[in-house]
C-alpha atoms as a PDB file:
ATOM      1  CA  MET A   1      31.214 -11.398 -35.569  1.00  0.00           C
ATOM      2  CA  ALA A   2      30.529 -14.623 -34.760  1.00  0.00           C
ATOM      3  CA  PRO A   3      28.232 -16.530 -37.027  1.00  0.00           C
ATOM      4  CA  PHE A   4      26.149 -18.385 -34.281  1.00  0.00           C
ATOM      5  CA  PRO A   5      26.661 -22.026 -33.714  1.00  0.00           C
ATOM      6  CA  THR A   6      24.478 -24.285 -35.158  1.00  0.00           C
ATOM      7  CA  PRO A   7      22.187 -26.685 -32.947  1.00  0.00           C
ATOM      8  CA  ALA A   8      23.394 -29.909 -31.968  1.00  0.00           C
ATOM      9  CA  PRO A   9      20.717 -32.421 -34.233  1.00  0.00           C
ATOM     10  CA  MET A  10      18.514 -34.495 -32.381  1.00  0.00           C
ATOM     11  CA  TYR A  11      18.146 -38.225 -32.691  1.00  0.00           C
ATOM     12  CA  GLU A  12      14.268 -40.006 -32.689  1.00  0.00           C
ATOM     13  CA  LEU A  13      14.675 -43.426 -31.793  1.00  0.00           C
ATOM     14  CA  TYR A  14      12.701 -46.061 -30.955  1.00  0.00           C
ATOM     15  CA  LEU A  15      14.127 -49.826 -30.387  1.00  0.00           C
ATOM     16  CA  PHE A  16      11.056 -52.489 -31.062  1.00  0.00           C
ATOM     17  CA  VAL A  17      11.023 -54.658 -28.370  1.00  0.00           C
ATOM     18  CA  ALA A  18       9.801 -58.334 -27.891  1.00  0.00           C
ATOM     19  CA  GLY A  19       8.552 -58.594 -24.172  1.00  0.00           C
ATOM     20  CA  ASP A  20      11.137 -58.545 -21.310  1.00  0.00           C
ATOM     21  CA  SER A  21      13.350 -61.224 -23.332  1.00  0.00           C
ATOM     22  CA  PRO A  22      17.432 -61.452 -22.354  1.00  0.00           C
ATOM     23  CA  LYS A  23      17.961 -59.735 -26.305  1.00  0.00           C
ATOM     24  CA  SER A  24      15.872 -57.086 -26.072  1.00  0.00           C
ATOM     25  CA  ALA A  25      17.006 -56.255 -22.433  1.00  0.00           C
ATOM     26  CA  ARG A  26      21.119 -56.339 -23.474  1.00  0.00           C
ATOM     27  CA  ALA A  27      19.573 -53.867 -26.577  1.00  0.00           C
ATOM     28  CA  LEU A  28      17.624 -51.142 -24.736  1.00  0.00           C
ATOM     29  CA  ALA A  29      21.113 -51.602 -22.072  1.00  0.00           C
ATOM     30  CA  ASN A  30      23.478 -51.297 -25.062  1.00  0.00           C
ATOM     31  CA  ILE A  31      21.671 -48.191 -26.750  1.00  0.00           C
ATOM     32  CA  GLN A  32      20.575 -45.735 -23.125  1.00  0.00           C
ATOM     33  CA  GLN A  33      24.818 -46.085 -22.722  1.00  0.00           C
ATOM     34  CA  ILE A  34      25.630 -45.692 -26.191  1.00  0.00           C
ATOM     35  CA  ALA A  35      22.923 -42.645 -26.451  1.00  0.00           C
ATOM     36  CA  ALA A  36      24.506 -41.268 -22.697  1.00  0.00           C
ATOM     37  CA  ARG A  37      28.153 -41.520 -24.010  1.00  0.00           C
ATOM     38  CA  HIS A  38      27.565 -40.001 -27.483  1.00  0.00           C
ATOM     39  CA  LEU A  39      24.426 -38.405 -27.707  1.00  0.00           C
ATOM     40  CA  ALA A  40      23.663 -36.706 -24.229  1.00  0.00           C
ATOM     41  CA  GLY A  41      20.523 -34.145 -24.156  1.00  0.00           C
ATOM     42  CA  GLN A  42      20.460 -35.013 -28.143  1.00  0.00           C
ATOM     43  CA  TYR A  43      18.091 -37.577 -28.519  1.00  0.00           C
ATOM     44  CA  THR A  44      14.684 -39.309 -27.570  1.00  0.00           C
ATOM     45  CA  LEU A  45      14.067 -42.365 -27.184  1.00  0.00           C
ATOM     46  CA  GLU A  46      10.895 -44.745 -26.982  1.00  0.00           C
ATOM     47  CA  VAL A  47      10.973 -48.215 -26.780  1.00  0.00           C
ATOM     48  CA  ILE A  48       7.477 -49.852 -28.267  1.00  0.00           C
ATOM     49  CA  ASP A  49       6.974 -53.851 -27.053  1.00  0.00           C
ATOM     50  CA  VAL A  50       5.688 -55.243 -30.723  1.00  0.00           C
ATOM     51  CA  GLN A  51       3.495 -57.879 -28.161  1.00  0.00           C
ATOM     52  CA  GLN A  52       1.174 -54.991 -26.915  1.00  0.00           C
ATOM     53  CA  HIS A  53       1.977 -52.941 -30.376  1.00  0.00           C
ATOM     54  CA  PRO A  54       1.901 -55.060 -33.114  1.00  0.00           C
ATOM     55  CA  GLU A  55       0.284 -52.417 -35.686  1.00  0.00           C
ATOM     56  CA  GLN A  56       3.834 -49.921 -34.919  1.00  0.00           C
ATOM     57  CA  ALA A  57       5.606 -52.496 -35.661  1.00  0.00           C
ATOM     58  CA  GLN A  58       4.162 -53.301 -39.103  1.00  0.00           C
ATOM     59  CA  GLN A  59       3.872 -49.206 -39.418  1.00  0.00           C
ATOM     60  CA  ALA A  60       7.791 -49.579 -38.954  1.00  0.00           C
ATOM     61  CA  GLY A  61       8.373 -51.564 -41.498  1.00  0.00           C
ATOM     62  CA  LEU A  62      10.114 -54.014 -38.939  1.00  0.00           C
ATOM     63  CA  ILE A  63      11.854 -56.474 -39.913  1.00  0.00           C
ATOM     64  CA  GLY A  64      13.242 -58.070 -37.017  1.00  0.00           C
ATOM     65  CA  VAL A  65      13.341 -57.721 -32.359  1.00  0.00           C
ATOM     66  CA  PRO A  66      14.510 -56.620 -31.223  1.00  0.00           C
ATOM     67  CA  MET A  67      15.102 -53.253 -33.876  1.00  0.00           C
ATOM     68  CA  LEU A  68      16.755 -50.281 -33.419  1.00  0.00           C
ATOM     69  CA  LEU A  69      14.972 -47.392 -35.599  1.00  0.00           C
ATOM     70  CA  LYS A  70      16.450 -43.410 -36.668  1.00  0.00           C
ATOM     71  CA  LYS A  71      14.015 -41.951 -38.215  1.00  0.00           C
ATOM     72  CA  SER A  72      16.160 -38.434 -37.999  1.00  0.00           C
ATOM     73  CA  PRO A  73      18.277 -36.812 -37.909  1.00  0.00           C
ATOM     74  CA  GLY A  74      19.145 -37.515 -41.864  1.00  0.00           C
ATOM     75  CA  LEU A  75      18.260 -40.935 -43.498  1.00  0.00           C
ATOM     76  CA  VAL A  76      15.467 -43.541 -41.777  1.00  0.00           C
ATOM     77  CA  ARG A  77      18.074 -46.244 -40.422  1.00  0.00           C
ATOM     78  CA  ARG A  78      17.706 -49.975 -38.918  1.00  0.00           C
ATOM     79  CA  LEU A  79      19.168 -52.509 -37.365  1.00  0.00           C
ATOM     80  CA  VAL A  80      18.556 -55.268 -35.383  1.00  0.00           C
ATOM     81  CA  GLY A  81      20.346 -57.452 -32.634  1.00  0.00           C
ATOM     82  CA  ASP A  82      20.847 -56.422 -29.658  1.00  0.00           C
ATOM     83  CA  LEU A  83      23.241 -53.549 -30.792  1.00  0.00           C
ATOM     84  CA  SER A  84      26.753 -54.995 -28.593  1.00  0.00           C
ATOM     85  CA  ASP A  85      28.591 -53.683 -32.011  1.00  0.00           C
ATOM     86  CA  GLN A  86      28.886 -50.559 -30.876  1.00  0.00           C
ATOM     87  CA  GLU A  87      31.047 -49.346 -33.907  1.00  0.00           C
ATOM     88  CA  ARG A  88      28.072 -50.637 -36.277  1.00  0.00           C
ATOM     89  CA  VAL A  89      25.359 -48.688 -34.239  1.00  0.00           C
ATOM     90  CA  LEU A  90      27.829 -45.642 -34.466  1.00  0.00           C
ATOM     91  CA  LYS A  91      27.991 -45.632 -38.129  1.00  0.00           C
ATOM     92  CA  ALA A  92      24.122 -46.256 -38.469  1.00  0.00           C
ATOM     93  CA  LEU A  93      23.289 -43.063 -36.354  1.00  0.00           C
ATOM     94  CA  GLY A  94      25.463 -41.347 -38.413  1.00  0.00           C
ATOM     95  CA  ILE A  95      28.404 -40.543 -35.610  1.00  0.00           C
ATOM     96  CA  THR A  96      31.932 -40.628 -35.800  1.00  0.00           C
END
């Protein structure tokens, strides 16, 4: 009897942005594209504007804007920038 397949992990992602700045807009477009291609149906993405919710930025240990925070699976990871380096983003997310 074959074992049941292990369900794919759910990725819990948070993108911290500064209003509608061009760099924040690029970061959002880039992570949406990467997630759609590599994590379809396996992720949640919450966008947090640090100007409107500074307390959430402080709780998350914000180190720059825009910043992607991966809470799960695995180790917590933070990536700062517009997320245009797809290889770097995939490595941080643990996707080979």
